[in-house]
N, C-alpha and C. Protein backbone atom coordinates (compact mmCIF):
# COMPACT_ATOMS: atom_id res chain seq x y z
N MET A 1 -104.56 129.64 -4.28
CA MET A 1 -104.58 130.93 -3.63
C MET A 1 -103.31 131.68 -3.97
N SER A 2 -103.45 133.00 -4.10
CA SER A 2 -102.27 133.81 -4.39
C SER A 2 -101.33 133.80 -3.19
N LYS A 3 -100.15 134.30 -3.39
CA LYS A 3 -99.13 134.31 -2.36
C LYS A 3 -99.63 135.04 -1.11
N LEU A 4 -99.30 134.49 0.05
CA LEU A 4 -99.71 135.09 1.31
C LEU A 4 -98.79 136.25 1.65
N ASP A 5 -99.37 137.34 2.11
CA ASP A 5 -98.55 138.47 2.52
C ASP A 5 -98.34 138.43 4.04
N ASN A 6 -97.63 139.42 4.55
CA ASN A 6 -97.30 139.45 5.97
C ASN A 6 -98.55 139.51 6.84
N LEU A 7 -99.56 140.24 6.43
CA LEU A 7 -100.80 140.31 7.21
C LEU A 7 -101.48 138.95 7.26
N ASP A 8 -101.53 138.25 6.13
CA ASP A 8 -102.09 136.90 6.11
C ASP A 8 -101.35 135.99 7.09
N LEU A 9 -100.04 136.04 7.07
CA LEU A 9 -99.23 135.18 7.93
C LEU A 9 -99.43 135.53 9.40
N ARG A 10 -99.49 136.82 9.72
CA ARG A 10 -99.73 137.22 11.11
C ARG A 10 -101.13 136.80 11.57
N LEU A 11 -102.09 136.89 10.67
CA LEU A 11 -103.45 136.47 10.97
C LEU A 11 -103.51 134.97 11.22
N LEU A 12 -102.85 134.20 10.37
CA LEU A 12 -102.78 132.74 10.57
C LEU A 12 -102.13 132.39 11.90
N LEU A 13 -101.06 133.08 12.24
CA LEU A 13 -100.38 132.84 13.51
C LEU A 13 -101.32 133.08 14.68
N GLU A 14 -102.07 134.16 14.64
CA GLU A 14 -103.00 134.46 15.73
C GLU A 14 -104.14 133.45 15.79
N LEU A 15 -104.61 132.98 14.63
CA LEU A 15 -105.66 131.96 14.61
C LEU A 15 -105.18 130.64 15.17
N VAL A 16 -103.92 130.28 14.91
CA VAL A 16 -103.36 129.06 15.47
C VAL A 16 -103.22 129.21 16.98
N ARG A 17 -102.79 130.37 17.42
CA ARG A 17 -102.65 130.62 18.86
C ARG A 17 -103.99 130.58 19.57
N ASP A 18 -105.03 131.15 18.94
CA ASP A 18 -106.36 131.19 19.55
C ASP A 18 -107.41 131.08 18.46
N PRO A 19 -107.82 129.85 18.12
CA PRO A 19 -108.78 129.66 17.03
C PRO A 19 -110.14 130.31 17.29
N ARG A 20 -110.45 130.60 18.54
CA ARG A 20 -111.75 131.21 18.86
C ARG A 20 -111.68 132.73 18.98
N ALA A 21 -110.55 133.31 18.62
CA ALA A 21 -110.41 134.77 18.69
C ALA A 21 -111.47 135.42 17.82
N GLN A 22 -112.06 136.48 18.33
CA GLN A 22 -113.08 137.24 17.58
C GLN A 22 -112.40 138.13 16.55
N VAL A 23 -113.10 138.42 15.49
CA VAL A 23 -112.56 139.27 14.43
C VAL A 23 -112.15 140.63 15.00
N SER A 24 -112.95 141.16 15.91
CA SER A 24 -112.61 142.46 16.50
C SER A 24 -111.29 142.40 17.28
N GLU A 25 -111.06 141.28 17.99
CA GLU A 25 -109.80 141.10 18.71
C GLU A 25 -108.63 141.02 17.74
N LEU A 26 -108.82 140.25 16.67
CA LEU A 26 -107.76 140.08 15.68
C LEU A 26 -107.43 141.40 15.00
N SER A 27 -108.46 142.16 14.63
CA SER A 27 -108.21 143.43 13.94
C SER A 27 -107.45 144.39 14.85
N GLU A 28 -107.82 144.42 16.14
CA GLU A 28 -107.12 145.30 17.09
C GLU A 28 -105.68 144.83 17.29
N LEU A 29 -105.50 143.55 17.46
CA LEU A 29 -104.17 143.00 17.69
C LEU A 29 -103.24 143.24 16.50
N LEU A 30 -103.79 143.15 15.29
CA LEU A 30 -102.98 143.30 14.08
C LEU A 30 -102.95 144.73 13.56
N GLY A 31 -103.76 145.61 14.15
CA GLY A 31 -103.75 147.01 13.75
C GLY A 31 -104.37 147.26 12.38
N VAL A 32 -105.44 146.50 12.08
CA VAL A 32 -106.13 146.68 10.80
C VAL A 32 -107.62 146.87 11.07
N ALA A 33 -108.34 147.34 10.09
CA ALA A 33 -109.79 147.52 10.21
C ALA A 33 -110.47 146.15 10.36
N ARG A 34 -111.58 146.15 11.07
CA ARG A 34 -112.33 144.92 11.30
C ARG A 34 -112.73 144.27 9.96
N ASN A 35 -113.18 145.07 9.01
CA ASN A 35 -113.58 144.55 7.70
C ASN A 35 -112.39 143.91 6.97
N THR A 36 -111.21 144.49 7.13
CA THR A 36 -110.01 143.91 6.51
C THR A 36 -109.73 142.53 7.09
N ALA A 37 -109.76 142.43 8.43
CA ALA A 37 -109.52 141.14 9.09
C ALA A 37 -110.57 140.12 8.66
N GLN A 38 -111.83 140.53 8.64
CA GLN A 38 -112.92 139.63 8.26
C GLN A 38 -112.76 139.13 6.82
N SER A 39 -112.45 140.04 5.90
CA SER A 39 -112.31 139.62 4.50
C SER A 39 -111.10 138.71 4.31
N ARG A 40 -110.03 138.97 5.04
CA ARG A 40 -108.85 138.10 4.94
C ARG A 40 -109.17 136.71 5.47
N ILE A 41 -109.87 136.63 6.59
CA ILE A 41 -110.23 135.33 7.15
C ILE A 41 -111.12 134.56 6.18
N ARG A 42 -112.10 135.22 5.61
CA ARG A 42 -112.98 134.57 4.62
C ARG A 42 -112.19 134.03 3.45
N ARG A 43 -111.25 134.85 2.95
CA ARG A 43 -110.44 134.44 1.80
C ARG A 43 -109.58 133.22 2.16
N LEU A 44 -108.98 133.23 3.35
CA LEU A 44 -108.15 132.10 3.79
C LEU A 44 -108.99 130.83 3.96
N LEU A 45 -110.19 130.98 4.48
CA LEU A 45 -111.08 129.83 4.64
C LEU A 45 -111.54 129.29 3.28
N ARG A 46 -111.95 130.19 2.38
CA ARG A 46 -112.39 129.77 1.03
C ARG A 46 -111.30 129.04 0.28
N ALA A 47 -110.07 129.51 0.43
CA ALA A 47 -108.94 128.90 -0.28
C ALA A 47 -108.49 127.60 0.37
N GLY A 48 -109.00 127.30 1.57
CA GLY A 48 -108.58 126.09 2.27
C GLY A 48 -107.25 126.25 2.98
N THR A 49 -106.74 127.46 3.05
CA THR A 49 -105.47 127.70 3.73
C THR A 49 -105.61 127.45 5.22
N VAL A 50 -106.74 127.83 5.77
CA VAL A 50 -107.04 127.58 7.18
C VAL A 50 -108.27 126.68 7.23
N ARG A 51 -108.18 125.66 8.07
CA ARG A 51 -109.25 124.65 8.16
C ARG A 51 -109.57 124.38 9.62
N HIS A 52 -110.64 123.67 9.82
CA HIS A 52 -111.06 123.20 11.14
C HIS A 52 -111.04 124.29 12.20
N GLY A 53 -111.74 125.36 11.91
CA GLY A 53 -111.92 126.41 12.89
C GLY A 53 -110.67 127.22 13.19
N GLY A 54 -109.68 127.14 12.33
CA GLY A 54 -108.49 127.96 12.52
C GLY A 54 -107.31 127.24 13.10
N ARG A 55 -107.49 126.01 13.53
CA ARG A 55 -106.40 125.29 14.20
C ARG A 55 -105.43 124.66 13.21
N GLU A 56 -105.91 124.31 12.02
CA GLU A 56 -105.07 123.61 11.06
C GLU A 56 -104.80 124.48 9.85
N ILE A 57 -103.54 124.54 9.47
CA ILE A 57 -103.10 125.36 8.34
C ILE A 57 -102.62 124.44 7.22
N ASP A 58 -103.02 124.73 5.99
CA ASP A 58 -102.54 123.98 4.84
C ASP A 58 -101.09 124.39 4.57
N LEU A 59 -100.16 123.52 4.87
CA LEU A 59 -98.74 123.84 4.75
C LEU A 59 -98.32 124.13 3.31
N GLU A 60 -98.99 123.51 2.35
CA GLU A 60 -98.66 123.78 0.95
C GLU A 60 -98.89 125.24 0.60
N ALA A 61 -99.90 125.86 1.20
CA ALA A 61 -100.18 127.27 0.95
C ALA A 61 -99.04 128.16 1.45
N LEU A 62 -98.27 127.64 2.39
CA LEU A 62 -97.12 128.37 2.92
C LEU A 62 -95.84 128.05 2.16
N GLY A 63 -95.96 127.15 1.18
CA GLY A 63 -94.79 126.77 0.39
C GLY A 63 -94.09 125.52 0.90
N TYR A 64 -94.66 124.86 1.91
CA TYR A 64 -94.06 123.65 2.47
C TYR A 64 -94.77 122.43 1.90
N ASP A 65 -94.25 121.94 0.76
CA ASP A 65 -94.88 120.85 0.03
C ASP A 65 -94.41 119.46 0.46
N VAL A 66 -93.33 119.39 1.22
CA VAL A 66 -92.73 118.10 1.58
C VAL A 66 -93.03 117.81 3.05
N ILE A 67 -93.53 116.60 3.30
CA ILE A 67 -93.72 116.10 4.66
C ILE A 67 -92.88 114.85 4.79
N ALA A 68 -92.11 114.78 5.86
CA ALA A 68 -91.28 113.60 6.12
C ALA A 68 -91.48 113.15 7.55
N PHE A 69 -91.32 111.85 7.76
CA PHE A 69 -91.40 111.26 9.09
C PHE A 69 -90.01 110.76 9.44
N LEU A 70 -89.48 111.22 10.55
CA LEU A 70 -88.14 110.84 10.98
C LEU A 70 -88.22 109.92 12.18
N THR A 71 -87.52 108.82 12.10
CA THR A 71 -87.31 107.98 13.27
C THR A 71 -85.88 108.26 13.70
N ILE A 72 -85.72 108.65 14.95
CA ILE A 72 -84.41 109.09 15.44
C ILE A 72 -83.95 108.16 16.55
N GLU A 73 -82.73 107.69 16.43
CA GLU A 73 -82.10 106.91 17.49
C GLU A 73 -81.23 107.86 18.29
N VAL A 74 -81.39 107.82 19.62
CA VAL A 74 -80.66 108.77 20.47
C VAL A 74 -79.90 108.05 21.57
N VAL A 75 -78.91 108.74 22.11
CA VAL A 75 -78.24 108.29 23.34
C VAL A 75 -79.26 108.54 24.45
N HIS A 76 -79.66 107.50 25.17
CA HIS A 76 -80.79 107.62 26.09
C HIS A 76 -80.60 108.69 27.16
N ARG A 77 -79.41 108.87 27.67
CA ARG A 77 -79.20 109.89 28.70
C ARG A 77 -79.30 111.30 28.12
N GLU A 78 -79.34 111.41 26.79
CA GLU A 78 -79.46 112.72 26.11
C GLU A 78 -80.87 112.98 25.57
N LEU A 79 -81.81 112.10 25.90
CA LEU A 79 -83.15 112.20 25.33
C LEU A 79 -83.79 113.57 25.57
N ASP A 80 -83.75 114.07 26.79
CA ASP A 80 -84.36 115.37 27.08
C ASP A 80 -83.71 116.48 26.27
N GLY A 81 -82.40 116.42 26.12
CA GLY A 81 -81.70 117.41 25.32
C GLY A 81 -82.03 117.33 23.85
N VAL A 82 -82.22 116.11 23.36
CA VAL A 82 -82.61 115.93 21.95
C VAL A 82 -83.99 116.53 21.72
N ILE A 83 -84.92 116.26 22.62
CA ILE A 83 -86.27 116.80 22.47
C ILE A 83 -86.22 118.33 22.56
N ALA A 84 -85.43 118.87 23.46
CA ALA A 84 -85.28 120.33 23.55
C ALA A 84 -84.69 120.89 22.26
N GLY A 85 -83.73 120.19 21.69
CA GLY A 85 -83.14 120.62 20.42
C GLY A 85 -84.13 120.59 19.28
N LEU A 86 -84.96 119.53 19.23
CA LEU A 86 -85.98 119.43 18.19
C LEU A 86 -87.00 120.56 18.32
N ARG A 87 -87.29 120.94 19.56
CA ARG A 87 -88.26 122.01 19.80
C ARG A 87 -87.80 123.34 19.19
N THR A 88 -86.51 123.53 19.03
CA THR A 88 -85.98 124.79 18.48
C THR A 88 -86.06 124.85 16.96
N LEU A 89 -86.32 123.72 16.31
CA LEU A 89 -86.36 123.68 14.84
C LEU A 89 -87.79 123.93 14.35
N SER A 90 -87.99 125.04 13.66
CA SER A 90 -89.34 125.43 13.24
C SER A 90 -90.00 124.44 12.29
N GLN A 91 -89.23 123.67 11.57
CA GLN A 91 -89.80 122.73 10.61
C GLN A 91 -90.26 121.43 11.25
N VAL A 92 -89.95 121.23 12.52
CA VAL A 92 -90.42 120.05 13.25
C VAL A 92 -91.84 120.33 13.72
N LEU A 93 -92.79 119.56 13.22
CA LEU A 93 -94.20 119.80 13.52
C LEU A 93 -94.68 119.08 14.76
N GLU A 94 -94.16 117.88 15.02
CA GLU A 94 -94.54 117.14 16.22
C GLU A 94 -93.46 116.12 16.53
N VAL A 95 -93.40 115.74 17.81
CA VAL A 95 -92.37 114.81 18.29
C VAL A 95 -93.03 113.84 19.26
N HIS A 96 -92.70 112.55 19.12
CA HIS A 96 -93.22 111.51 20.00
C HIS A 96 -92.07 110.60 20.42
N GLU A 97 -92.02 110.25 21.68
CA GLU A 97 -91.10 109.20 22.13
C GLU A 97 -91.78 107.88 21.80
N ILE A 98 -91.05 106.93 21.22
CA ILE A 98 -91.67 105.71 20.72
C ILE A 98 -90.97 104.47 21.26
N SER A 99 -91.64 103.33 21.08
CA SER A 99 -91.02 102.04 21.35
C SER A 99 -90.69 101.40 20.00
N GLY A 100 -89.95 100.32 20.04
CA GLY A 100 -89.58 99.65 18.78
C GLY A 100 -88.29 100.22 18.22
N ARG A 101 -88.16 100.15 16.90
CA ARG A 101 -86.95 100.69 16.25
C ARG A 101 -86.92 102.20 16.43
N GLY A 102 -85.84 102.70 16.95
CA GLY A 102 -85.71 104.13 17.18
C GLY A 102 -86.27 104.52 18.53
N ASP A 103 -86.04 105.76 18.88
CA ASP A 103 -86.45 106.27 20.19
C ASP A 103 -87.43 107.43 20.08
N VAL A 104 -87.31 108.20 19.01
CA VAL A 104 -88.13 109.39 18.83
C VAL A 104 -88.64 109.39 17.39
N TRP A 105 -89.89 109.78 17.24
CA TRP A 105 -90.49 109.93 15.91
C TRP A 105 -90.93 111.37 15.78
N CYS A 106 -90.64 111.98 14.65
CA CYS A 106 -91.15 113.34 14.45
C CYS A 106 -91.58 113.55 13.01
N ARG A 107 -92.52 114.48 12.87
CA ARG A 107 -93.01 114.88 11.55
C ARG A 107 -92.36 116.22 11.24
N VAL A 108 -91.80 116.31 10.05
CA VAL A 108 -91.05 117.48 9.61
C VAL A 108 -91.61 117.95 8.28
N THR A 109 -91.59 119.24 8.04
CA THR A 109 -92.02 119.78 6.77
C THR A 109 -90.88 120.53 6.11
N ALA A 110 -90.92 120.63 4.79
CA ALA A 110 -89.87 121.32 4.04
C ALA A 110 -90.45 121.88 2.76
N THR A 111 -89.76 122.87 2.20
CA THR A 111 -90.21 123.47 0.95
C THR A 111 -89.85 122.62 -0.25
N ASP A 112 -88.76 121.88 -0.15
CA ASP A 112 -88.31 120.98 -1.22
C ASP A 112 -87.28 120.03 -0.61
N THR A 113 -86.71 119.15 -1.42
CA THR A 113 -85.79 118.15 -0.88
C THR A 113 -84.48 118.78 -0.37
N HIS A 114 -84.05 119.88 -0.96
CA HIS A 114 -82.85 120.55 -0.47
C HIS A 114 -83.10 121.14 0.91
N ASN A 115 -84.27 121.72 1.09
CA ASN A 115 -84.66 122.27 2.39
C ASN A 115 -84.81 121.16 3.42
N LEU A 116 -85.34 120.00 2.99
CA LEU A 116 -85.45 118.85 3.88
C LEU A 116 -84.07 118.37 4.31
N GLN A 117 -83.14 118.31 3.36
CA GLN A 117 -81.77 117.88 3.68
C GLN A 117 -81.16 118.82 4.71
N ALA A 118 -81.37 120.11 4.59
CA ALA A 118 -80.85 121.07 5.58
C ALA A 118 -81.48 120.83 6.95
N ALA A 119 -82.79 120.54 6.96
CA ALA A 119 -83.46 120.26 8.23
C ALA A 119 -82.91 118.98 8.86
N LEU A 120 -82.68 117.96 8.04
CA LEU A 120 -82.13 116.70 8.56
C LEU A 120 -80.73 116.90 9.13
N ARG A 121 -79.94 117.73 8.48
CA ARG A 121 -78.61 118.03 9.00
C ARG A 121 -78.70 118.74 10.34
N SER A 122 -79.68 119.61 10.48
CA SER A 122 -79.88 120.29 11.77
C SER A 122 -80.25 119.28 12.86
N VAL A 123 -81.07 118.30 12.52
CA VAL A 123 -81.43 117.26 13.48
C VAL A 123 -80.19 116.46 13.85
N LEU A 124 -79.40 116.08 12.87
CA LEU A 124 -78.20 115.28 13.13
C LEU A 124 -77.15 116.02 13.96
N ARG A 125 -77.19 117.36 13.95
CA ARG A 125 -76.24 118.14 14.75
C ARG A 125 -76.63 118.23 16.23
N ILE A 126 -77.85 117.80 16.56
CA ILE A 126 -78.29 117.86 17.95
C ILE A 126 -77.51 116.83 18.76
N LYS A 127 -76.93 117.29 19.87
CA LYS A 127 -76.15 116.40 20.74
C LYS A 127 -77.04 115.26 21.24
N GLY A 128 -76.57 114.04 21.05
CA GLY A 128 -77.30 112.86 21.49
C GLY A 128 -77.99 112.11 20.36
N VAL A 129 -78.10 112.72 19.18
CA VAL A 129 -78.70 112.02 18.03
C VAL A 129 -77.66 111.09 17.44
N ILE A 130 -77.97 109.82 17.34
CA ILE A 130 -77.05 108.82 16.78
C ILE A 130 -77.27 108.70 15.28
N ARG A 131 -78.52 108.49 14.88
CA ARG A 131 -78.85 108.36 13.45
C ARG A 131 -80.33 108.61 13.26
N THR A 132 -80.68 108.87 12.01
CA THR A 132 -82.08 109.09 11.66
C THR A 132 -82.45 108.21 10.48
N GLU A 133 -83.71 107.91 10.37
CA GLU A 133 -84.27 107.24 9.19
C GLU A 133 -85.43 108.11 8.74
N THR A 134 -85.43 108.45 7.46
CA THR A 134 -86.43 109.38 6.93
C THR A 134 -87.33 108.68 5.93
N VAL A 135 -88.64 108.92 6.08
CA VAL A 135 -89.64 108.40 5.15
C VAL A 135 -90.42 109.61 4.65
N LEU A 136 -90.53 109.73 3.32
CA LEU A 136 -91.29 110.84 2.74
C LEU A 136 -92.76 110.47 2.59
N ALA A 137 -93.63 111.40 2.91
CA ALA A 137 -95.06 111.21 2.68
C ALA A 137 -95.34 111.57 1.22
N LEU A 138 -96.03 110.70 0.52
CA LEU A 138 -96.36 110.96 -0.88
C LEU A 138 -97.73 111.60 -1.03
N HIS A 139 -98.68 111.18 -0.18
CA HIS A 139 -100.04 111.72 -0.27
C HIS A 139 -100.75 111.47 1.05
N GLU A 140 -101.49 112.45 1.52
CA GLU A 140 -102.28 112.28 2.75
C GLU A 140 -103.67 111.79 2.37
N HIS A 141 -104.01 110.59 2.81
CA HIS A 141 -105.32 110.02 2.51
C HIS A 141 -106.32 110.31 3.62
N ILE A 142 -105.87 110.25 4.87
CA ILE A 142 -106.73 110.53 6.02
C ILE A 142 -105.96 111.50 6.92
N PRO A 143 -106.39 112.73 7.00
CA PRO A 143 -105.70 113.67 7.88
C PRO A 143 -105.99 113.33 9.35
N TYR A 144 -105.20 113.89 10.24
CA TYR A 144 -105.43 113.68 11.67
C TYR A 144 -106.88 113.99 11.96
N ARG A 145 -107.52 113.12 12.71
CA ARG A 145 -108.95 113.29 12.96
C ARG A 145 -109.32 112.72 14.31
N THR A 146 -110.35 113.24 14.89
CA THR A 146 -110.89 112.72 16.14
C THR A 146 -112.40 112.48 16.05
N GLU A 147 -113.03 113.01 15.02
CA GLU A 147 -114.49 112.93 14.89
C GLU A 147 -115.02 111.49 14.94
N PRO A 148 -114.45 110.51 14.20
CA PRO A 148 -114.99 109.14 14.26
C PRO A 148 -114.90 108.55 15.68
N LEU A 149 -113.84 108.84 16.39
CA LEU A 149 -113.69 108.35 17.75
C LEU A 149 -114.75 108.96 18.66
N LEU A 150 -114.94 110.27 18.54
CA LEU A 150 -115.96 110.94 19.35
C LEU A 150 -117.36 110.44 19.01
N GLU A 151 -117.61 110.19 17.73
CA GLU A 151 -118.91 109.65 17.32
C GLU A 151 -119.15 108.29 17.95
N ARG A 152 -118.14 107.43 17.94
CA ARG A 152 -118.28 106.10 18.54
C ARG A 152 -118.55 106.21 20.04
N LEU A 153 -117.82 107.09 20.71
CA LEU A 153 -118.01 107.26 22.15
C LEU A 153 -119.38 107.84 22.46
N ALA A 154 -119.87 108.74 21.62
CA ALA A 154 -121.17 109.37 21.85
C ALA A 154 -122.32 108.39 21.63
N GLN A 155 -122.09 107.30 20.89
CA GLN A 155 -123.14 106.31 20.63
C GLN A 155 -123.32 105.33 21.77
N LYS A 156 -122.39 105.30 22.72
CA LYS A 156 -122.52 104.39 23.86
C LYS A 156 -123.70 104.84 24.72
N PRO A 157 -124.43 103.88 25.32
CA PRO A 157 -125.53 104.26 26.21
C PRO A 157 -125.02 105.14 27.35
N ALA A 158 -125.86 106.04 27.83
CA ALA A 158 -125.48 107.02 28.86
C ALA A 158 -125.01 106.36 30.15
N ASP A 159 -125.54 105.16 30.48
CA ASP A 159 -125.16 104.53 31.73
C ASP A 159 -123.88 103.71 31.62
N THR A 160 -123.31 103.60 30.43
CA THR A 160 -122.07 102.89 30.22
C THR A 160 -120.91 103.79 30.64
N PRO A 161 -120.09 103.33 31.59
CA PRO A 161 -118.96 104.17 32.00
C PRO A 161 -118.01 104.43 30.83
N ARG A 162 -117.53 105.63 30.74
CA ARG A 162 -116.57 106.00 29.69
C ARG A 162 -115.18 105.60 30.18
N SER A 163 -114.57 104.73 29.45
CA SER A 163 -113.22 104.28 29.80
C SER A 163 -112.19 105.26 29.24
N THR A 164 -111.13 105.46 29.98
CA THR A 164 -110.05 106.32 29.48
C THR A 164 -108.86 105.50 29.03
N ASP A 165 -109.09 104.19 28.84
CA ASP A 165 -107.97 103.37 28.36
C ASP A 165 -107.63 103.77 26.94
N HIS A 166 -106.48 103.38 26.52
CA HIS A 166 -105.96 103.80 25.20
C HIS A 166 -105.99 102.68 24.20
N SER A 167 -106.96 101.79 24.32
CA SER A 167 -107.01 100.68 23.37
C SER A 167 -107.82 101.01 22.16
């Protein structure tokens, strides 16, 4: 796909905020004709830039080709502050408190390794971060998914209670 312009980016932002937004709502919100919004959405969908009903964006189309997973060791009394600090970094895609080695796991994106290094330095500057371990993703084989789980749950007989356990 060709380079995304400001309208494409604003449209993607609105689709992420509300994947069920109607084209008429989007066109009014963005100040463009309905046909313009519709054609842009079609083009973004055809190119694979936007997937799964608007909720997922292909980061490579935005120029973010690098995905890294950070395991962060923190001073425990600073955990809330570390999470608040991570929330301020736009390149941090998700954050989880974990057990085992490290205390926090997060997924980070970058345009290249220099950009990743700058992001890592920003993480290390957060008060309470002791150290990080970074693993680069080389290829995504199975994207985040819920369909197989829902299919399995839907196959259970109707009289079988649905468990909410996390096993």
